[in-house]
Protein backbone atom coordinates (compact mmCIF):
# COMPACT_ATOMS: atom_id res chain seq x y z
CA UNK A 1 -45.50 3.93 -0.54
CA UNK A 2 -47.52 4.72 -3.62
CA UNK A 3 -50.84 3.61 -5.08
CA UNK A 4 -52.05 3.36 -8.38
CA UNK A 5 -55.69 3.39 -9.34
CA UNK A 6 -56.44 2.33 -12.73
CA UNK A 7 -60.40 2.62 -13.90
CA UNK A 8 -62.12 4.29 -17.20
CA UNK A 9 -64.97 5.10 -14.79
CA UNK A 10 -64.17 8.19 -12.58
CA UNK A 11 -66.44 7.67 -9.85
CA UNK A 12 -64.94 4.10 -9.50
CA UNK A 13 -61.65 5.77 -8.57
CA UNK A 14 -63.19 8.38 -6.33
CA UNK A 15 -64.77 5.83 -4.53
CA UNK A 16 -61.72 4.09 -3.51
CA UNK A 17 -59.69 7.04 -2.65
CA UNK A 18 -62.71 7.87 -0.56
CA UNK A 19 -63.24 4.48 1.01
CA UNK A 20 -59.65 3.55 1.94
CA UNK A 21 -57.54 4.27 5.14
CA UNK A 22 -54.43 4.96 3.28
CA UNK A 23 -53.12 6.27 6.17
CA UNK A 24 -53.02 3.14 8.38
CA UNK A 25 -50.94 1.75 5.57
CA UNK A 26 -48.22 4.41 4.99
CA UNK A 27 -49.54 5.91 1.72
CA UNK A 28 -47.91 8.35 0.41
CA UNK A 29 -49.44 9.45 -2.85
CA UNK A 30 -52.43 8.28 -4.88
CA UNK A 31 -52.12 8.38 -8.77
CA UNK A 32 -54.81 7.67 -11.36
CA UNK A 33 -54.74 6.29 -15.09
CA UNK A 34 -57.86 6.16 -17.32
CA UNK A 35 -56.84 2.89 -18.82
CA UNK A 36 -53.78 0.34 -19.13
CA UNK A 37 -52.10 2.19 -21.86
CA UNK A 38 -51.76 5.31 -19.89
CA UNK A 39 -50.97 3.36 -16.74
CA UNK A 40 -48.06 1.85 -18.21
CA UNK A 41 -45.82 5.46 -18.76
CA UNK A 42 -47.06 6.05 -15.10
CA UNK A 43 -45.78 2.52 -13.45
CA UNK A 44 -42.54 3.29 -15.34
CA UNK A 45 -41.99 6.47 -14.07
CA UNK A 46 -43.46 6.19 -10.46
CA UNK A 47 -42.95 2.64 -9.35
CA UNK A 48 -45.91 2.67 -7.34
CA UNK A 49 -46.14 -0.13 -4.69
CA UNK A 50 -49.65 -1.16 -4.73
CA UNK A 51 -52.00 -0.92 -8.21
CA UNK A 52 -55.95 -1.07 -8.46
CA UNK A 53 -56.89 -2.38 -11.87
CA UNK A 54 -60.19 -2.44 -13.74
CA UNK A 55 -60.16 -5.33 -15.88
CA UNK A 56 -62.56 -3.92 -18.98
CA UNK A 57 -61.11 -0.67 -20.13
CA UNK A 58 -60.36 0.31 -23.46
CA UNK A 59 -57.30 0.48 -25.38
CA UNK A 60 -55.20 -1.70 -22.87
CA UNK A 61 -57.69 -3.57 -20.28
CA UNK A 62 -56.82 -5.23 -17.05
CA UNK A 63 -55.79 -8.50 -18.23
CA UNK A 64 -53.48 -6.51 -20.81
CA UNK A 65 -51.71 -4.77 -18.06
CA UNK A 66 -51.29 -8.14 -15.75
CA UNK A 67 -49.71 -9.68 -18.63
CA UNK A 68 -47.49 -6.52 -19.16
CA UNK A 69 -46.42 -6.10 -15.50
CA UNK A 70 -45.53 -10.17 -15.58
CA UNK A 71 -43.49 -9.89 -18.70
CA UNK A 72 -41.31 -6.52 -17.70
CA UNK A 73 -40.72 -8.14 -13.96
CA UNK A 74 -42.10 -5.36 -12.19
CA UNK A 75 -42.43 -5.66 -8.69
CA UNK A 76 -45.65 -4.32 -6.95
CA UNK A 77 -48.94 -5.48 -5.82
CA UNK A 78 -52.21 -5.87 -7.56
CA UNK A 79 -55.88 -5.85 -6.67
CA UNK A 80 -58.06 -6.51 -9.43
CA UNK A 81 -61.54 -4.92 -8.98
CA UNK A 82 -64.57 -5.64 -11.20
CA UNK A 83 -68.15 -6.16 -11.69
CA UNK A 84 -67.57 -9.23 -13.11
CA UNK A 85 -67.89 -12.25 -10.86
CA UNK A 86 -66.52 -14.74 -12.81
CA UNK A 87 -64.10 -17.62 -11.97
CA UNK A 88 -62.10 -17.63 -15.43
CA UNK A 89 -61.37 -13.69 -14.93
CA UNK A 90 -60.39 -14.53 -11.19
CA UNK A 91 -58.06 -17.60 -12.41
CA UNK A 92 -56.48 -15.37 -15.44
CA UNK A 93 -55.81 -12.43 -12.63
CA UNK A 94 -54.29 -14.78 -10.12
CA UNK A 95 -52.08 -16.42 -12.70
CA UNK A 96 -50.79 -13.38 -13.78
CA UNK A 97 -49.50 -12.13 -10.34
CA UNK A 98 -52.80 -10.35 -9.07
CA UNK A 99 -52.76 -10.29 -5.06
CA UNK A 100 -56.77 -10.46 -4.48
CA UNK A 101 -59.69 -9.66 -6.25
CA UNK A 102 -62.40 -7.08 -5.54
CA UNK A 103 -66.15 -6.72 -6.63
CA UNK A 104 -68.24 -3.67 -7.33
CA UNK A 105 -69.76 -2.37 -5.78
CA UNK A 106 -66.61 -2.37 -3.10
CA UNK A 107 -67.39 -2.90 0.23
CA UNK A 108 -65.20 -0.45 2.75
CA UNK A 109 -64.38 -3.23 5.48
CA UNK A 110 -63.29 -5.58 2.55
CA UNK A 111 -61.48 -3.02 1.07
CA UNK A 112 -59.62 -2.05 4.08
CA UNK A 113 -59.02 -5.64 5.06
CA UNK A 114 -57.78 -6.28 1.59
CA UNK A 115 -55.42 -3.45 1.68
CA UNK A 116 -53.75 -4.14 5.20
CA UNK A 117 -53.22 -7.62 4.14
CA UNK A 118 -51.35 -6.86 0.69
CA UNK A 119 -49.22 -3.59 2.47
CA UNK A 120 -48.44 -6.02 4.88
CA UNK A 121 -47.45 -8.86 2.85
CA UNK A 122 -45.47 -6.40 1.02
CA UNK A 123 -43.40 -5.11 3.73
CA UNK A 124 -42.38 -8.47 4.77
CA UNK A 125 -41.34 -9.32 1.28
CA UNK A 126 -39.66 -5.90 1.05
CA UNK A 127 -37.80 -6.48 4.43
CA UNK A 128 -36.55 -10.02 3.26
CA UNK A 129 -35.64 -8.51 -0.20
CA UNK A 130 -33.43 -5.69 1.82
CA UNK A 131 -32.03 -8.42 4.18
CA UNK A 132 -31.23 -10.81 1.02
CA UNK A 133 -29.55 -7.74 -0.62
CA UNK A 134 -27.64 -6.86 2.32
CA UNK A 135 -26.65 -10.55 2.87
CA UNK A 136 -25.10 -10.45 -0.71
CA UNK A 137 -23.42 -7.30 -0.26
CA UNK A 138 -21.41 -8.81 2.55
CA UNK A 139 -20.91 -12.08 0.90
CA UNK A 140 -19.66 -9.88 -1.77
CA UNK A 141 -17.03 -8.19 0.46
CA UNK A 142 -15.99 -10.89 2.70
CA UNK A 143 -16.09 -13.82 -0.04
CA UNK A 144 -12.83 -12.48 -1.89
CA UNK A 145 -11.20 -11.84 1.76
CA UNK A 146 -11.99 -15.41 2.03
CA UNK A 147 -10.79 -16.78 -1.12
CA UNK A 148 -7.48 -14.83 -0.51
CA UNK A 149 -6.91 -16.25 2.71
CA UNK A 150 -7.58 -19.66 1.81
CA UNK A 151 -5.87 -19.50 -1.48
CA UNK A 152 -2.78 -17.66 0.19
CA UNK A 153 -2.57 -20.92 2.71
CA UNK A 154 -2.50 -23.33 -0.45
CA UNK A 155 0.69 -21.47 -1.84
CA UNK A 156 2.12 -22.09 1.64
CA UNK A 157 1.34 -25.12 2.13
CA UNK A 158 -1.24 -24.94 4.86
CA UNK A 159 -4.76 -26.20 5.14
CA UNK A 160 -7.13 -24.52 3.31
CA UNK A 161 -10.71 -25.23 1.49
CA UNK A 162 -9.96 -27.33 -1.78
CA UNK A 163 -13.49 -27.18 -2.30
CA UNK A 164 -13.44 -24.04 -3.19
CA UNK A 165 -11.21 -24.60 -6.29
CA UNK A 166 -14.11 -27.00 -7.60
CA UNK A 167 -16.73 -24.24 -7.16
CA UNK A 168 -14.62 -22.13 -9.24
CA UNK A 169 -14.29 -24.66 -12.31
CA UNK A 170 -11.63 -27.01 -11.20
CA UNK A 171 -12.16 -30.65 -11.59
CA UNK A 172 -10.78 -33.16 -9.66
CA UNK A 173 -7.24 -34.52 -11.12
CA UNK A 174 -6.48 -31.78 -13.23
CA UNK A 175 -3.22 -30.45 -13.07
CA UNK A 176 -2.68 -26.72 -13.32
CA UNK A 177 0.13 -23.97 -13.62
CA UNK A 178 0.90 -21.37 -10.87
CA UNK A 179 1.52 -18.09 -11.79
CA UNK A 180 2.77 -14.85 -9.99
CA UNK A 181 1.86 -11.29 -11.22
CA UNK A 182 4.25 -9.21 -9.31
CA UNK A 183 3.91 -5.17 -9.17
CA UNK A 184 6.51 -2.97 -9.28
CA UNK A 185 7.27 0.55 -8.22
CA UNK A 186 3.30 1.19 -6.83
CA UNK A 187 4.88 3.75 -4.72
CA UNK A 188 5.13 6.08 -7.83
CA UNK A 189 1.58 6.17 -8.16
CA UNK A 190 0.17 5.74 -5.31
CA UNK A 191 -1.44 9.27 -5.18
CA UNK A 192 -3.33 7.84 -8.34
CA UNK A 193 -3.61 4.28 -7.78
CA UNK A 194 -4.27 3.49 -3.80
CA UNK A 195 -3.07 0.26 -3.20
CA UNK A 196 -6.43 -1.53 -2.10
CA UNK A 197 -7.61 0.08 -4.98
CA UNK A 198 -4.91 -1.55 -7.32
CA UNK A 199 -5.54 -5.21 -6.26
CA UNK A 200 -9.37 -4.83 -6.70
CA UNK A 201 -9.32 -3.40 -9.93
CA UNK A 202 -6.51 -6.29 -11.24
CA UNK A 203 -8.29 -9.01 -9.54
CA UNK A 204 -11.50 -8.13 -11.13
CA UNK A 205 -9.77 -7.67 -14.44
CA UNK A 206 -7.80 -10.53 -14.65
CA UNK A 207 -10.46 -12.84 -12.70
CA UNK A 208 -12.81 -11.83 -15.57
CA UNK A 209 -10.40 -12.86 -18.46
CA UNK A 210 -9.90 -16.04 -16.74
CA UNK A 211 -13.62 -17.10 -16.29
CA UNK A 212 -13.71 -21.03 -14.99
CA UNK A 213 -9.97 -21.61 -16.26
CA UNK A 214 -8.67 -20.61 -12.92
CA UNK A 215 -8.64 -17.83 -10.14
CA UNK A 216 -6.43 -15.13 -8.87
CA UNK A 217 -6.07 -13.73 -5.79
CA UNK A 218 -3.82 -11.81 -3.33
CA UNK A 219 -0.85 -13.19 -1.73
CA UNK A 220 -1.74 -11.82 1.98
CA UNK A 221 1.64 -12.93 3.06
CA UNK A 222 3.37 -11.64 -0.14
CA UNK A 223 4.88 -7.88 -1.17
CA UNK A 224 2.47 -6.64 -3.81
CA UNK A 225 1.75 -9.73 -5.45
CA UNK A 226 -1.46 -11.29 -7.14
CA UNK A 227 -1.23 -15.54 -7.65
CA UNK A 228 -3.21 -17.09 -10.15
CA UNK A 229 -3.94 -20.79 -10.29
CA UNK A 230 -4.54 -21.71 -13.87
CA UNK A 231 -6.23 -25.12 -14.77
CA UNK A 232 -7.08 -24.08 -18.41
CA UNK A 233 -5.33 -24.73 -22.04
CA UNK A 234 -2.59 -22.59 -23.34
CA UNK A 235 -1.37 -21.01 -20.45
CA UNK A 236 1.27 -18.96 -21.90
CA UNK A 237 -1.43 -17.42 -24.53
CA UNK A 238 -3.33 -16.84 -21.73
CA UNK A 239 -1.14 -14.93 -19.25
CA UNK A 240 0.11 -13.04 -22.44
CA UNK A 241 -3.25 -11.85 -23.27
CA UNK A 242 -4.04 -10.84 -19.56
CA UNK A 243 -0.49 -8.96 -19.49
CA UNK A 244 -1.15 -7.03 -22.62
CA UNK A 245 -4.62 -5.99 -21.29
CA UNK A 246 -3.21 -4.47 -17.87
CA UNK A 247 -0.49 -2.87 -19.80
CA UNK A 248 -2.87 -0.40 -21.39
CA UNK A 249 -5.21 -0.21 -17.99
CA UNK A 250 -2.39 0.60 -15.16
CA UNK A 251 0.31 3.01 -15.73
CA UNK A 252 3.09 0.98 -13.14
CA UNK A 253 5.30 -1.90 -14.38
CA UNK A 254 4.98 -5.77 -13.34
CA UNK A 255 5.86 -9.15 -14.10
CA UNK A 256 4.17 -12.31 -14.53
CA UNK A 257 6.18 -15.57 -14.43
CA UNK A 258 4.47 -19.14 -15.05
CA UNK A 259 5.17 -22.70 -13.34
CA UNK A 260 5.51 -25.70 -14.92
CA UNK A 261 2.24 -28.02 -15.32
CA UNK A 262 1.77 -29.35 -11.68
CA UNK A 263 -0.60 -31.97 -9.52
CA UNK A 264 -2.75 -29.74 -7.50
CA UNK A 265 -0.79 -31.20 -4.25
CA UNK A 266 2.21 -29.37 -5.24
CA UNK A 267 0.87 -25.62 -5.51
CA UNK A 268 3.62 -24.70 -2.74
CA UNK A 269 6.28 -25.68 -5.30
CA UNK A 270 4.51 -24.08 -8.25
CA UNK A 271 4.79 -20.98 -5.96
CA UNK A 272 8.20 -21.29 -5.15
CA UNK A 273 9.38 -21.69 -8.87
CA UNK A 274 7.84 -18.75 -10.10
CA UNK A 275 9.37 -16.59 -7.24
CA UNK A 276 12.58 -18.02 -8.31
CA UNK A 277 11.85 -17.15 -11.88
CA UNK A 278 11.24 -13.73 -11.36
CA UNK A 279 14.62 -13.52 -9.28
CA UNK A 280 16.43 -14.34 -12.43
CA UNK A 281 14.82 -12.28 -14.66
CA UNK A 282 17.58 -10.88 -17.13
CA UNK A 283 17.64 -7.00 -16.36
CA UNK A 284 19.63 -6.35 -19.50
CA UNK A 285 16.60 -7.93 -21.93
CA UNK A 286 14.22 -5.57 -22.73
CA UNK A 287 11.15 -7.89 -23.19
CA UNK A 288 7.77 -6.10 -24.93
CA UNK A 289 5.40 -8.38 -22.89
CA UNK A 290 6.67 -9.24 -19.25
CA UNK A 291 6.09 -12.69 -19.06
CA UNK A 292 8.81 -15.23 -17.82
CA UNK A 293 9.10 -18.96 -17.25
CA UNK A 294 11.62 -21.52 -15.85
CA UNK A 295 13.09 -21.58 -19.22
CA UNK A 296 14.34 -18.23 -18.79
CA UNK A 297 16.57 -19.12 -15.91
CA UNK A 298 20.03 -19.62 -16.87
CA UNK A 299 23.25 -20.61 -15.32
CA UNK A 300 25.67 -18.04 -14.27
CA UNK A 301 28.45 -17.82 -12.13
CA UNK A 302 27.83 -15.07 -9.39
CA UNK A 303 30.31 -12.14 -9.46
CA UNK A 304 32.73 -11.44 -6.60
CA UNK A 305 31.41 -8.57 -4.86
CA UNK A 306 34.14 -8.64 -2.17
CA UNK A 307 36.45 -7.71 -4.60
CA UNK A 308 34.14 -5.03 -5.75
CA UNK A 309 33.50 -3.76 -2.09
CA UNK A 310 37.44 -3.60 -1.35
CA UNK A 311 37.73 -1.51 -4.81
CA UNK A 312 34.89 0.86 -3.36
CA UNK A 313 36.73 0.98 0.02
CA UNK A 314 39.69 2.12 -1.78
CA UNK A 315 37.94 4.71 -3.56
CA UNK A 316 36.66 6.33 -0.58
CA UNK A 317 40.06 6.28 1.07
CA UNK A 318 41.86 7.73 -1.75
CA UNK A 319 38.94 9.96 -2.29
CA UNK A 320 39.20 9.26 -5.89
CA UNK A 321 35.39 8.75 -7.42
CA UNK A 322 36.99 7.80 -10.64
CA UNK A 323 37.67 3.94 -9.22
CA UNK A 324 33.75 3.68 -9.08
CA UNK A 325 33.68 4.39 -12.94
CA UNK A 326 36.30 1.79 -13.10
CA UNK A 327 34.61 -0.66 -10.99
CA UNK A 328 31.47 -0.06 -13.23
CA UNK A 329 33.42 -0.67 -16.25
CA UNK A 330 35.07 -4.01 -14.85
CA UNK A 331 31.38 -5.26 -14.02
CA UNK A 332 29.85 -4.29 -17.30
CA UNK A 333 32.85 -6.34 -19.42
CA UNK A 334 31.90 -9.33 -17.00
CA UNK A 335 28.22 -9.27 -17.29
CA UNK A 336 28.51 -8.30 -21.06
CA UNK A 337 30.11 -11.79 -22.12
CA UNK A 338 26.77 -13.41 -21.59
CA UNK A 339 24.53 -10.39 -21.64
CA UNK A 340 22.63 -11.78 -18.68
CA UNK A 341 22.21 -10.19 -15.17
CA UNK A 342 19.41 -11.62 -13.11
CA UNK A 343 17.76 -9.58 -10.90
CA UNK A 344 18.84 -11.41 -7.53
CA UNK A 345 22.40 -10.87 -8.79
CA UNK A 346 21.57 -7.35 -8.54
CA UNK A 347 19.92 -7.77 -5.30
CA UNK A 348 22.65 -8.98 -3.76
CA UNK A 349 25.15 -6.15 -4.73
CA UNK A 350 22.51 -3.65 -3.99
CA UNK A 351 22.48 -4.80 -0.37
CA UNK A 352 26.45 -4.97 -0.21
CA UNK A 353 26.64 -1.66 -1.35
CA UNK A 354 24.18 -0.57 1.10
CA UNK A 355 26.20 -2.17 3.83
CA UNK A 356 29.43 -0.34 2.53
CA UNK A 357 27.97 3.13 2.48
CA UNK A 358 26.39 2.58 6.26
CA UNK A 359 29.64 1.71 7.20
CA UNK A 360 31.35 4.90 5.92
CA UNK A 361 28.05 6.91 7.20
CA UNK A 362 28.88 5.50 10.61
CA UNK A 363 32.38 6.18 10.40
CA UNK A 364 32.41 9.43 9.38
CA UNK A 365 29.38 10.51 11.46
CA UNK A 366 27.85 11.75 8.45
CA UNK A 367 23.97 12.40 7.90
CA UNK A 368 22.08 9.32 6.79
CA UNK A 369 21.71 9.57 3.11
CA UNK A 370 18.46 8.69 1.82
CA UNK A 371 18.32 4.95 0.83
CA UNK A 372 17.73 3.99 -2.92
CA UNK A 373 14.89 1.99 -3.78
CA UNK A 374 15.64 -0.44 -6.27
CA UNK A 375 12.02 -0.75 -7.27
CA UNK A 376 11.81 2.96 -8.74
CA UNK A 377 13.86 1.84 -11.67
CA UNK A 378 11.26 -0.31 -13.14
CA UNK A 379 10.23 1.64 -16.37
CA UNK A 380 6.33 1.44 -17.18
CA UNK A 381 7.53 -1.15 -19.44
CA UNK A 382 8.93 -3.33 -16.89
CA UNK A 383 12.36 -2.88 -17.96
CA UNK A 384 15.04 -2.13 -15.43
CA UNK A 385 16.70 1.37 -16.25
CA UNK A 386 20.17 0.24 -15.21
CA UNK A 387 22.20 3.33 -16.29
CA UNK A 388 19.93 5.48 -14.25
CA UNK A 389 20.73 2.95 -11.27
CA UNK A 390 24.44 3.36 -11.82
CA UNK A 391 24.18 7.32 -12.09
CA UNK A 392 22.46 7.45 -8.79
CA UNK A 393 24.76 5.36 -6.72
CA UNK A 394 27.57 7.28 -7.95
CA UNK A 395 25.74 10.63 -6.78
CA UNK A 396 25.62 8.75 -3.15
CA UNK A 397 29.60 7.98 -3.24
CA UNK A 398 30.54 11.33 -4.59
CA UNK A 399 28.58 12.91 -1.62
CA UNK A 400 30.34 10.46 0.97
CA UNK A 401 33.81 11.41 -0.49
CA UNK A 402 32.88 15.31 -0.58
CA UNK A 403 31.62 14.96 3.21
CA UNK A 404 34.87 12.82 4.05
CA UNK A 405 37.02 15.61 2.48
CA UNK A 406 35.07 18.28 4.23
CA UNK A 407 35.05 16.20 7.52
CA UNK A 408 38.81 15.90 7.50
CA UNK A 409 39.49 19.91 6.93
CA UNK A 410 36.78 20.33 9.60
CA UNK A 411 38.67 17.31 12.33
CA UNK A 412 41.95 19.30 11.59
CA UNK A 413 40.12 22.62 12.78
CA UNK A 414 38.83 20.78 15.92
CA UNK A 415 42.43 19.70 16.55
CA UNK A 416 43.44 23.42 15.72
CA UNK A 417 41.14 24.47 18.18
CA UNK A 418 42.03 21.74 20.83
CA UNK A 419 46.10 22.99 19.95
CA UNK A 420 44.93 26.85 20.54
CA UNK A 421 43.39 26.21 23.98
CA UNK A 422 46.78 24.44 25.27
CA UNK A 423 48.55 27.63 24.09
CA UNK A 424 46.28 29.85 25.25
CA UNK A 425 44.25 28.61 28.09
CA UNK A 426 44.91 31.81 30.31
CA UNK A 427 42.52 33.72 28.43
CA UNK A 428 39.19 34.33 28.27
CA UNK A 429 37.77 32.04 25.20
CA UNK A 430 34.67 31.92 23.67
CA UNK A 431 32.84 29.60 21.46
CA UNK A 432 31.98 32.65 19.28
CA UNK A 433 35.78 33.40 18.73
CA UNK A 434 36.52 29.96 17.84
CA UNK A 435 33.37 30.19 15.08
CA UNK A 436 34.97 33.27 13.63
CA UNK A 437 38.12 31.90 13.61
CA UNK A 438 37.81 28.76 12.02
CA UNK A 439 34.26 29.71 9.69
CA UNK A 440 32.68 26.90 11.67
CA UNK A 441 29.29 27.09 13.69
CA UNK A 442 29.36 27.30 17.30
CA UNK A 443 26.81 24.22 17.42
CA UNK A 444 29.20 22.37 15.10
CA UNK A 445 32.27 23.02 17.18
CA UNK A 446 30.77 22.20 20.54
CA UNK A 447 29.27 18.57 18.90
CA UNK A 448 32.17 17.73 17.19
CA UNK A 449 34.68 18.44 19.83
CA UNK A 450 32.84 16.83 22.43
CA UNK A 451 32.68 13.65 19.87
CA UNK A 452 36.59 13.73 19.39
CA UNK A 453 37.92 14.64 22.91
CA UNK A 454 34.98 13.18 25.13
CA UNK A 455 34.37 16.43 27.14
CA UNK A 456 32.81 19.88 26.19
CA UNK A 457 35.22 23.15 25.35
CA UNK A 458 34.44 24.45 28.94
CA UNK A 459 35.23 21.25 30.53
CA UNK A 460 38.33 20.85 28.45
CA UNK A 461 39.80 24.57 29.28
CA UNK A 462 39.24 23.61 33.01
CA UNK A 463 41.45 20.52 32.78
CA UNK A 464 44.41 22.13 30.84
CA UNK A 465 44.23 24.71 33.71
CA UNK A 466 43.94 22.48 36.58
CA UNK A 467 46.86 20.22 34.85
CA UNK A 468 48.96 23.56 34.96
CA UNK A 469 48.23 24.63 38.30
CA UNK A 470 49.47 21.22 39.31
CA UNK A 471 52.66 21.82 37.65
CA UNK A 472 53.15 25.29 39.18
CA UNK A 473 52.15 24.13 42.91
CA UNK A 474 55.43 22.64 42.70
CA UNK A 475 57.09 25.97 42.98
CA UNK A 476 56.40 26.53 46.59
CA UNK A 477 57.33 30.41 46.13
CA UNK A 478 54.22 30.77 44.04
CA UNK A 479 51.65 32.04 46.16
CA UNK A 480 48.29 30.37 45.30
CA UNK A 481 46.41 33.89 44.22
CA UNK A 482 49.50 33.94 41.44
CA UNK A 483 48.89 30.60 40.61
CA UNK A 484 45.33 31.36 39.82
CA UNK A 485 45.96 34.54 37.77
CA UNK A 486 48.51 32.69 35.72
CA UNK A 487 46.19 29.80 34.53
CA UNK A 488 43.34 32.53 34.05
CA UNK A 489 41.27 33.01 37.06
CA UNK A 490 41.20 36.64 38.59
CA UNK A 491 39.35 35.09 41.52
CA UNK A 492 41.56 32.66 43.50
CA UNK A 493 38.50 31.51 46.17
CA UNK A 494 36.96 30.67 42.92
CA UNK A 495 40.15 28.89 41.69
CA UNK A 496 40.39 27.16 45.13
CA UNK A 497 36.62 25.46 44.51
CA UNK A 498 37.38 24.41 40.94
CA UNK A 499 40.76 22.79 42.01
CA UNK A 500 38.98 20.74 44.70
CA UNK A 501 36.10 19.95 42.62
CA UNK A 502 38.38 18.46 40.17
CA UNK A 503 41.55 17.03 42.12
CA UNK A 504 39.67 16.06 45.29
CA UNK A 505 41.72 18.34 47.48
CA UNK A 506 42.61 21.95 48.09
CA UNK A 507 45.68 23.39 46.30
CA UNK A 508 47.70 23.53 49.69
CA UNK A 509 46.63 19.95 50.58
CA UNK A 510 47.98 19.12 47.11
CA UNK A 511 51.36 20.94 47.30
CA UNK A 512 51.90 19.61 51.11
CA UNK A 513 50.91 15.96 49.59
CA UNK A 514 53.94 16.14 46.85
CA UNK A 515 56.76 18.02 48.71
């Protein structure tokens, strides 16, 4: 706590410094000034909590200083010290904000009582100010969350506090428009525009423009959406104005949709309308300001997706990537007739294509190919780069065809390994030998062989040997050790053990059973 002593008489300032019990009220620094004019600079720089001032001083007296403090709205406690016991002076001092009035010569007890009272009052008021500031900050944090929750309820036809709209400028009986701001391709910019920061900035900008003509809020149940309730005039002009401002601020694309004018009871219908509008955005159109309304929705005949997917199936079966190009040409001709391709139609095709790709990935036991994110193909102006999208999907198909071709070659190699085992089961066979012979890794051979034949290679070799042993046991002249040697076991005791484990009986028992 700082204290400023203002008096043109130095001995008065010294007397106050000596008589006051500064430590008792937590004073850390005592400042001095000879008159009000000098004091002004000190006050502005140091912001003292308590000011002692004389009334009669040269240049700027105490009354002038009090008026100045009042006009500048400077928050402090002022104690007037004067030798004039005049009611008029006292009344004027109190009128301009003085906390107390001391007469010269100063009584030490009265001085310290006054100091304690003034300091206590200051501390109490300071606590109230801090509490109020904290409450205000908390309210600023909580209000947007509360607003977003309540108005999200409104667009989903749930119970909400309609009085909130009245507080924001909406008048009973007014009609309104629902508008939707859809943010696109945020993932690309998440390092420089984290999602929470993005919504905070956009809501501040939009609500600053709207003033009392509407309110923008975050749709807590929608994916990257800001909704607007607008009850002002000229909604299209206003939304286009906002869109132009945002295009100079944010690097990512976005789209606006505007509903028709509705009564407040139909907010949910308005939200459903704007969602539908954005589902039918014509991705072939290159609009400068990305604002759309129900008037932009056109009728169209959905493209036969089954026919297209069947052609894609033939493409993979025949391993002919050029069928993809033929399908795209066919697709392009159909949409070129009306120059209209709604986003909903592209989304349906994209989802069907994803199912088609996953079918072949699973069928061929391929590694999962990274999914294409449609959002990435919206450019900064909000235009969909359909050429890039088509080219990206072509690359994915090409990779599957290549994988299928390679898989066929590798499948032939696995079958060749099985045939080799069937012909050379009596020899010592190792994975390393197969790896070198067929130019495949040992890990791949093991995994693929088990996938095709249901057993690993060593078990497959054993099964072939045991089946051959069963055939040889039909010849009674062949000794057990001779049969063991013929199928690749040099130790007939080990052969007997393996045979019993696989067949469930010894070789002799099997022979006797089949005699």
